[in-house]
Amino acid sequence: MSKPYAAILGGAAGLTIIAVFIILWFCKSHCKNCPNGNSETASSGPSAQVEWNKGGRSSSEPTCPLFGSQGARKFTIEELEQATKQFTDSSLIGYGSFGSVYKGLLQDTVVAIKRRTSAPRDDFVTEVVYLSEIRHRNLVSLLGYCQERGEQMLVFEYLPNGSMCNHLYDMKLESSTTLEFKLRLSIALGAAKGLCHLHSLNPPLVHKNFKMANVLVDENFIVKVSDAGISKLLEKIEEAGPSYTSDINIFQDPETGVSGTFTEMSDVYSFGVFLLELITGQEAAELGFVGVEGSLIQWVASRLNSNNFVDPRLMGNFTTDGIRNLIRLTLRCMTFPGIGRPKMQMVVDELERIHEKEMALTTVMGESTATFIKGSELFTS
């Protein structure tokens, strides 16, 4: 066992020291400024070049015919039944914290309709109207609602490419999307801007349930964060907490389990786990990463000599500085205590810097043949 590795396992002073060791090992051993091959996804994807909106509604945001001048539209249950063919199984596309999710067609517009059983409540309407007024290019828009026949429903814009989970996790699927490093940086940047806008509101809106499944992409891989404000909505309309809190959420900040309080720094921690999954290409829950304080140090130490710390699909299409800086940012987002984490605006600024530098360097260097480096060689001195 090498001395640096023994030092990690033998009692590193904290996450900052761990991050320094990892970065030093990474720079010494890995992919010396491997340039990016010009795949179709990375070179032609608009998300890699897009000028992100920093706040408010983008001038380029398409106008939805379902938007009304008064904000959230009240739909009738007959309209939503017709849109989903009576909520048939063929229209069911998933399940979320609010309930079942259906794909529907309203006035020639494809929408996502979330449905749950509940008695009508005035505070439900009040909260929905507030959430429908939050507009940002990187947030899924809430279009309207329905409260009839003992049911509550929310109508959202629909993202045709679905969740990032569909594109990232399955490494063996030949038809899976090629998510090269620059595209992953662009995806991370879009998600960060969505969270940053929520935190910039007065008062700030904490997402509370940010995770890979709530990062949706359109046909051009432009990112929109979904379920913003849904946790807050459920807390207001349910005397007991929302049902999903009984499940283990690997993205949830361990500090909230102690204090019971969610803050902007809780979202930053969740974003760090999101970055970790983008780097590894795997679900954090499948990595043996248990989501408790200190488990990041234990997980990283256990993976130092593994062959798959960084997603093998990324090999040969990133620069050493780019991946090193992204790992550094990931560790900063997940540091303890939470007060030491960067604010989301700082995260956005750093991702923009990494992305711009990566775009410039790989454009200049052009295409080259990548050399695959094993994880066992990645962290050896």
Protein backbone atom coordinates (compact mmCIF):
# COMPACT_ATOMS: atom_id res chain seq x y z
CA MET A 1 0.00 0.00 0.00
CA SER A 2 1.43 3.38 -1.00
CA LYS A 3 2.10 6.03 1.61
CA PRO A 4 -0.51 8.47 0.24
CA TYR A 5 -3.13 5.75 0.25
CA ALA A 6 -2.20 4.71 3.82
CA ALA A 7 -2.49 8.33 4.87
CA ILE A 8 -6.06 8.48 3.58
CA LEU A 9 -7.16 5.34 5.33
CA GLY A 10 -5.17 6.12 8.48
CA GLY A 11 -6.90 9.31 9.41
CA ALA A 12 -7.05 12.18 6.98
CA ALA A 13 -7.81 15.44 8.70
CA GLY A 14 -10.88 16.08 6.61
CA LEU A 15 -12.50 16.17 3.22
CA THR A 16 -10.29 18.98 1.99
CA ILE A 17 -7.14 16.91 2.51
CA ILE A 18 -8.77 13.95 0.78
CA ALA A 19 -9.66 16.17 -2.16
CA VAL A 20 -6.05 17.40 -2.43
CA PHE A 21 -4.66 13.85 -2.49
CA ILE A 22 -7.18 12.75 -5.10
CA ILE A 23 -6.47 15.70 -7.35
CA LEU A 24 -2.70 15.23 -7.08
CA TRP A 25 -2.95 11.51 -7.90
CA PHE A 26 -5.34 12.26 -10.74
CA CYS A 27 -3.06 14.84 -12.38
CA LYS A 28 0.01 12.64 -12.04
CA SER A 29 -1.37 9.45 -13.45
CA HIS A 30 -4.31 10.13 -15.73
CA CYS A 31 -4.96 11.07 -19.32
CA LYS A 32 -2.52 13.83 -20.08
CA ASN A 33 -4.82 16.40 -21.60
CA CYS A 34 -6.69 13.82 -23.66
CA PRO A 35 -8.59 15.81 -26.28
CA ASN A 36 -12.17 15.09 -27.17
CA GLY A 37 -13.12 13.07 -30.21
CA ASN A 38 -15.66 14.88 -32.31
CA SER A 39 -18.71 12.72 -31.78
CA GLU A 40 -22.04 13.85 -33.13
CA THR A 41 -23.42 14.33 -29.62
CA ALA A 42 -20.66 16.59 -28.41
CA SER A 43 -19.92 18.53 -31.56
CA SER A 44 -23.41 19.24 -32.81
CA GLY A 45 -25.46 19.22 -29.60
CA PRO A 46 -26.89 22.72 -29.01
CA SER A 47 -26.67 22.21 -25.23
CA ALA A 48 -22.89 22.41 -25.46
CA GLN A 49 -23.07 25.87 -27.02
CA VAL A 50 -26.23 27.36 -25.55
CA GLU A 51 -26.23 30.76 -23.88
CA TRP A 52 -27.89 29.98 -20.57
CA ASN A 53 -30.42 32.31 -19.06
CA LYS A 54 -29.28 33.60 -15.67
CA GLY A 55 -32.73 34.30 -14.29
CA GLY A 56 -36.35 34.95 -15.13
CA ARG A 57 -38.01 33.89 -18.35
CA SER A 58 -35.74 33.66 -21.33
CA SER A 59 -36.60 35.69 -24.38
CA SER A 60 -36.10 32.49 -26.37
CA GLU A 61 -38.48 30.47 -24.21
CA PRO A 62 -41.33 29.20 -26.39
CA THR A 63 -44.79 30.45 -25.57
CA CYS A 64 -47.09 27.63 -24.57
CA PRO A 65 -50.72 27.97 -25.70
CA LEU A 66 -51.81 26.65 -22.32
CA PHE A 67 -50.29 29.59 -20.45
CA GLY A 68 -52.86 32.12 -19.41
CA SER A 69 -52.35 35.74 -18.45
CA GLN A 70 -53.45 34.88 -14.91
CA GLY A 71 -50.82 32.21 -14.30
CA ALA A 72 -51.88 28.65 -13.49
CA ARG A 73 -54.87 27.51 -15.49
CA LYS A 74 -57.68 25.58 -13.85
CA PHE A 75 -58.47 22.50 -15.94
CA THR A 76 -61.58 20.37 -15.67
CA ILE A 77 -61.24 16.68 -14.99
CA GLU A 78 -63.03 16.01 -18.26
CA GLU A 79 -60.28 17.85 -20.14
CA LEU A 80 -57.56 15.82 -18.43
CA GLU A 81 -59.41 12.55 -18.92
CA GLN A 82 -59.72 13.25 -22.62
CA ALA A 83 -56.04 14.26 -22.80
CA THR A 84 -54.93 10.94 -21.27
CA LYS A 85 -57.57 8.66 -22.83
CA GLN A 86 -59.24 8.26 -19.43
CA PHE A 87 -55.90 7.85 -17.65
CA THR A 88 -55.24 4.53 -19.35
CA ASP A 89 -52.15 2.47 -18.56
CA SER A 90 -50.76 3.33 -21.97
CA SER A 91 -50.63 6.98 -20.88
CA LEU A 92 -48.89 6.19 -17.59
CA ILE A 93 -45.21 7.15 -17.81
CA GLY A 94 -44.02 6.95 -14.22
CA TYR A 95 -44.43 7.74 -10.55
CA GLY A 96 -43.16 10.68 -8.52
CA SER A 97 -43.44 12.31 -5.12
CA PHE A 98 -46.82 13.79 -6.04
CA GLY A 99 -48.27 10.57 -7.46
CA SER A 100 -48.74 8.86 -10.81
CA VAL A 101 -47.49 10.68 -13.91
CA TYR A 102 -49.35 10.53 -17.23
CA LYS A 103 -48.54 11.80 -20.69
CA GLY A 104 -51.40 13.73 -22.26
CA LEU A 105 -52.34 15.93 -25.20
CA LEU A 106 -54.05 19.24 -24.40
CA GLN A 107 -54.86 21.64 -27.25
CA ASP A 108 -52.16 20.12 -29.45
CA THR A 109 -49.62 20.48 -26.62
CA VAL A 110 -48.03 17.42 -25.02
CA VAL A 111 -48.08 17.69 -21.23
CA ALA A 112 -47.20 15.66 -18.15
CA ILE A 113 -50.04 15.26 -15.66
CA LYS A 114 -49.36 14.28 -12.06
CA ARG A 115 -52.30 12.77 -10.22
CA ARG A 116 -53.03 11.90 -6.59
CA THR A 117 -56.05 11.18 -4.40
CA SER A 118 -56.89 14.02 -2.03
CA ALA A 119 -59.77 16.17 -0.88
CA PRO A 120 -59.86 19.70 -2.36
CA ARG A 121 -58.03 22.39 -0.41
CA ASP A 122 -57.78 26.16 -0.86
CA ASP A 123 -54.11 26.19 0.14
CA PHE A 124 -53.40 23.76 -2.69
CA VAL A 125 -54.62 26.32 -5.22
CA THR A 126 -52.73 29.15 -3.52
CA GLU A 127 -49.45 27.26 -3.62
CA VAL A 128 -49.95 26.07 -7.21
CA VAL A 129 -50.58 29.63 -8.40
CA TYR A 130 -47.33 30.73 -6.72
CA LEU A 131 -45.30 27.89 -8.24
CA SER A 132 -46.76 28.50 -11.69
CA GLU A 133 -45.33 32.02 -11.64
CA ILE A 134 -41.75 30.72 -11.32
CA ARG A 135 -40.32 30.77 -14.83
CA HIS A 136 -36.80 29.90 -15.92
CA ARG A 137 -35.29 28.23 -18.95
CA ASN A 138 -33.88 25.46 -16.74
CA LEU A 139 -37.01 24.75 -14.72
CA VAL A 140 -40.01 22.64 -15.80
CA SER A 141 -43.01 24.99 -15.98
CA LEU A 142 -46.20 24.29 -14.04
CA LEU A 143 -49.08 25.05 -16.42
CA GLY A 144 -52.17 24.37 -14.35
CA TYR A 145 -54.11 22.20 -11.94
CA CYS A 146 -57.36 20.38 -11.26
CA GLN A 147 -59.24 19.58 -8.04
CA GLU A 148 -62.30 17.45 -8.65
CA ARG A 149 -63.86 14.12 -7.61
CA GLY A 150 -61.49 13.64 -4.70
CA GLU A 151 -58.37 14.08 -6.81
CA GLN A 152 -55.66 16.69 -7.18
CA MET A 153 -53.74 17.02 -10.44
CA LEU A 154 -50.86 19.15 -11.67
CA VAL A 155 -50.19 19.85 -15.35
CA PHE A 156 -46.56 20.41 -16.40
CA GLU A 157 -44.76 20.93 -19.67
CA TYR A 158 -43.49 17.66 -21.13
CA LEU A 159 -39.82 16.95 -21.90
CA PRO A 160 -39.51 14.44 -24.77
CA ASN A 161 -36.11 13.03 -23.78
CA GLY A 162 -37.20 12.24 -20.26
CA SER A 163 -34.99 11.94 -17.21
CA MET A 164 -31.20 11.84 -17.28
CA CYS A 165 -31.50 8.44 -15.62
CA ASN A 166 -32.55 7.08 -19.00
CA HIS A 167 -29.34 8.27 -20.62
CA LEU A 168 -26.65 7.81 -17.99
CA TYR A 169 -26.92 4.58 -16.03
CA ASP A 170 -27.04 1.73 -18.53
CA MET A 171 -23.43 1.31 -19.66
CA LYS A 172 -24.18 -1.91 -21.55
CA LEU A 173 -27.03 -0.58 -23.67
CA GLU A 174 -25.69 -0.14 -27.20
CA SER A 175 -28.39 2.36 -28.08
CA SER A 176 -27.75 4.50 -25.01
CA THR A 177 -26.90 8.17 -25.55
CA THR A 178 -23.24 9.11 -25.91
CA LEU A 179 -22.74 11.54 -23.06
CA GLU A 180 -19.29 12.93 -23.60
CA PHE A 181 -17.60 15.12 -21.05
CA LYS A 182 -18.51 18.49 -22.57
CA LEU A 183 -22.15 17.47 -22.81
CA ARG A 184 -22.15 16.31 -19.17
CA LEU A 185 -20.68 19.67 -18.17
CA SER A 186 -23.43 21.42 -20.13
CA ILE A 187 -26.08 19.27 -18.43
CA ALA A 188 -24.58 20.03 -15.01
CA LEU A 189 -24.52 23.74 -15.82
CA GLY A 190 -28.18 23.78 -16.82
CA ALA A 191 -29.26 21.97 -13.66
CA ALA A 192 -27.13 24.30 -11.52
CA LYS A 193 -28.75 27.35 -13.11
CA GLY A 194 -32.20 25.98 -12.38
CA LEU A 195 -31.36 25.47 -8.69
CA CYS A 196 -29.60 28.83 -8.55
CA HIS A 197 -32.75 30.58 -9.77
CA LEU A 198 -34.81 28.90 -7.04
CA HIS A 199 -32.33 30.05 -4.40
CA SER A 200 -32.39 33.61 -5.80
CA LEU A 201 -36.12 34.01 -5.15
CA ASN A 202 -37.33 36.08 -2.21
CA PRO A 203 -37.73 34.12 -0.03
CA PRO A 204 -35.43 31.43 -1.46
CA LEU A 205 -37.14 28.23 -2.59
CA VAL A 206 -35.27 25.08 -1.55
CA HIS A 207 -35.92 22.17 -3.90
CA LYS A 208 -35.53 19.51 -1.15
CA ASN A 209 -35.73 16.61 -3.59
CA PHE A 210 -33.11 17.31 -6.25
CA LYS A 211 -31.77 14.13 -7.85
CA MET A 212 -30.85 12.66 -11.22
CA ALA A 213 -34.44 11.54 -11.82
CA ASN A 214 -35.58 15.17 -11.55
CA VAL A 215 -33.15 16.41 -14.19
CA LEU A 216 -35.06 16.26 -17.47
CA VAL A 217 -33.81 17.00 -20.99
CA ASP A 218 -35.49 18.01 -24.21
CA GLU A 219 -34.66 16.76 -27.71
CA ASN A 220 -31.57 19.01 -27.78
CA PHE A 221 -30.45 17.96 -24.28
CA ILE A 222 -31.30 21.34 -22.82
CA VAL A 223 -31.90 20.73 -19.11
CA LYS A 224 -34.96 21.51 -17.03
CA VAL A 225 -35.16 20.66 -13.32
CA SER A 226 -38.51 19.17 -12.36
CA ASP A 227 -40.50 18.99 -9.10
CA ALA A 228 -39.32 22.40 -7.87
CA GLY A 229 -41.57 23.36 -4.96
CA ILE A 230 -43.44 20.03 -4.88
CA SER A 231 -41.97 19.08 -1.50
CA LYS A 232 -43.08 22.45 -0.11
CA LEU A 233 -46.53 21.97 -1.63
CA LEU A 234 -46.93 18.53 -0.10
CA GLU A 235 -45.83 19.77 3.31
CA LYS A 236 -48.50 22.44 3.21
CA ILE A 237 -51.38 20.21 2.17
CA GLU A 238 -50.54 17.10 4.19
CA GLU A 239 -50.64 16.99 7.98
CA ALA A 240 -48.17 14.15 7.84
CA GLY A 241 -45.03 14.58 5.77
CA PRO A 242 -44.95 13.45 2.14
CA SER A 243 -44.79 9.68 1.73
CA TYR A 244 -41.52 9.66 -0.18
CA THR A 245 -39.59 10.71 2.95
CA SER A 246 -39.91 7.15 4.26
CA ASP A 247 -37.66 5.94 1.45
CA ILE A 248 -33.90 6.15 1.56
CA ASN A 249 -32.86 9.09 -0.61
CA ILE A 250 -29.18 8.85 -1.45
CA PHE A 251 -29.26 12.49 -2.62
CA GLN A 252 -30.51 13.85 0.70
CA ASP A 253 -28.06 15.82 2.82
CA PRO A 254 -27.24 13.71 5.92
CA GLU A 255 -27.30 16.89 8.01
CA THR A 256 -31.05 17.24 7.43
CA GLY A 257 -31.55 13.91 9.21
CA VAL A 258 -30.06 15.47 12.34
CA SER A 259 -31.56 18.97 12.18
CA GLY A 260 -34.73 18.14 10.26
CA THR A 261 -34.21 21.38 8.35
CA PHE A 262 -33.61 21.81 4.64
CA THR A 263 -31.54 24.79 3.49
CA GLU A 264 -29.96 25.94 0.24
CA MET A 265 -26.87 24.01 1.35
CA SER A 266 -28.99 20.83 1.37
CA ASP A 267 -29.63 21.34 -2.34
CA VAL A 268 -25.90 21.94 -2.88
CA TYR A 269 -25.13 18.57 -1.27
CA SER A 270 -27.69 16.88 -3.52
CA PHE A 271 -26.11 18.58 -6.49
CA GLY A 272 -22.74 17.15 -5.42
CA VAL A 273 -24.17 13.63 -5.54
CA PHE A 274 -25.56 14.46 -8.98
CA LEU A 275 -22.06 15.49 -10.12
CA LEU A 276 -20.63 12.28 -8.65
CA GLU A 277 -23.05 10.25 -10.76
CA LEU A 278 -22.13 12.23 -13.87
CA ILE A 279 -18.45 11.46 -13.22
CA THR A 280 -18.87 7.76 -12.46
CA GLY A 281 -21.79 7.09 -14.81
CA GLN A 282 -23.45 5.02 -12.10
CA GLU A 283 -26.16 5.41 -9.50
CA ALA A 284 -24.74 6.50 -6.16
CA ALA A 285 -26.95 3.92 -4.47
CA GLU A 286 -25.18 1.19 -6.44
CA LEU A 287 -21.71 2.42 -5.51
CA GLY A 288 -21.92 1.40 -1.88
CA PHE A 289 -22.21 5.07 -1.08
CA VAL A 290 -24.63 5.13 1.86
CA GLY A 291 -25.30 8.86 2.13
CA VAL A 292 -24.22 9.46 5.71
CA GLU A 293 -21.66 11.95 6.96
CA GLY A 294 -18.16 10.69 6.24
CA SER A 295 -19.29 8.03 3.79
CA LEU A 296 -17.87 10.01 0.87
CA ILE A 297 -14.37 9.69 2.35
CA GLN A 298 -14.89 5.96 2.90
CA TRP A 299 -16.25 5.46 -0.60
CA VAL A 300 -13.43 7.35 -2.31
CA ALA A 301 -10.81 5.47 -0.27
CA SER A 302 -12.37 2.16 -1.25
CA ARG A 303 -12.29 3.09 -4.94
CA LEU A 304 -8.73 4.37 -5.18
CA ASN A 305 -7.49 1.15 -6.76
CA SER A 306 -10.62 0.31 -8.71
CA ASN A 307 -10.85 0.36 -12.50
CA ASN A 308 -14.06 2.37 -12.81
CA PHE A 309 -13.96 5.47 -10.61
CA VAL A 310 -14.45 7.62 -13.72
CA ASP A 311 -17.03 6.40 -16.22
CA PRO A 312 -15.07 4.35 -18.81
CA ARG A 313 -17.21 5.91 -21.53
CA LEU A 314 -15.52 9.23 -20.78
CA MET A 315 -12.00 7.98 -21.38
CA GLY A 316 -10.21 9.99 -24.04
CA ASN A 317 -12.62 12.89 -24.38
CA PHE A 318 -11.74 15.22 -21.53
CA THR A 319 -8.75 17.21 -20.36
CA THR A 320 -6.97 16.45 -17.11
CA ASP A 321 -7.73 19.92 -15.79
CA GLY A 322 -11.41 19.56 -16.67
CA ILE A 323 -12.05 16.30 -14.85
CA ARG A 324 -9.80 17.31 -11.96
CA ASN A 325 -11.70 20.57 -11.43
CA LEU A 326 -15.06 18.81 -11.66
CA ILE A 327 -13.99 16.29 -9.00
CA ARG A 328 -12.81 19.18 -6.83
CA LEU A 329 -16.17 20.94 -7.19
CA THR A 330 -18.03 17.71 -6.40
CA LEU A 331 -16.14 17.27 -3.15
CA ARG A 332 -16.71 20.91 -2.18
CA CYS A 333 -20.47 20.49 -2.70
CA MET A 334 -20.51 17.44 -0.42
CA THR A 335 -18.23 18.71 2.33
CA PHE A 336 -19.14 18.69 6.05
CA PRO A 337 -20.27 20.78 7.77
CA GLY A 338 -22.67 22.18 5.19
CA ILE A 339 -21.73 25.76 5.97
CA GLY A 340 -18.48 25.13 4.11
CA ARG A 341 -20.22 24.31 0.84
CA PRO A 342 -20.33 26.84 -2.01
CA LYS A 343 -23.56 28.64 -2.83
CA MET A 344 -25.26 27.63 -6.06
CA GLN A 345 -24.20 30.86 -7.77
CA MET A 346 -20.58 29.94 -7.04
CA VAL A 347 -21.26 26.46 -8.42
CA VAL A 348 -22.69 27.99 -11.61
CA ASP A 349 -19.67 30.27 -11.98
CA GLU A 350 -17.22 27.38 -11.55
CA LEU A 351 -19.07 25.12 -13.98
CA GLU A 352 -19.12 27.91 -16.55
CA ARG A 353 -15.37 28.34 -16.15
CA ILE A 354 -14.70 24.59 -16.48
CA HIS A 355 -17.04 24.27 -19.46
CA GLU A 356 -15.65 27.29 -21.33
CA LYS A 357 -12.06 26.12 -20.81
CA GLU A 358 -12.93 22.57 -21.89
CA MET A 359 -14.65 23.84 -25.04
CA ALA A 360 -11.69 26.05 -25.93
CA LEU A 361 -9.00 23.43 -25.29
CA THR A 362 -10.69 20.55 -27.07
CA THR A 363 -11.58 22.75 -30.06
CA VAL A 364 -7.94 23.80 -30.43
CA MET A 365 -6.51 20.31 -29.93
CA GLY A 366 -8.99 18.59 -32.20
CA GLU A 367 -9.49 14.86 -32.48
CA SER A 368 -7.01 12.25 -31.27
CA THR A 369 -6.84 8.61 -30.27
CA ALA A 370 -7.65 8.02 -26.61
CA THR A 371 -5.66 5.81 -24.29
CA PHE A 372 -7.71 3.90 -21.74
CA ILE A 373 -6.25 4.19 -18.24
CA LYS A 374 -7.35 1.77 -15.53
CA GLY A 375 -8.45 3.03 -12.15
CA SER A 376 -5.69 0.98 -10.55
CA GLU A 377 -3.23 3.20 -12.42
CA LEU A 378 -5.27 6.34 -11.84
CA PHE A 379 -4.46 6.78 -8.17
CA THR A 380 -0.96 5.31 -7.90
CA SER A 381 1.99 7.51 -7.15
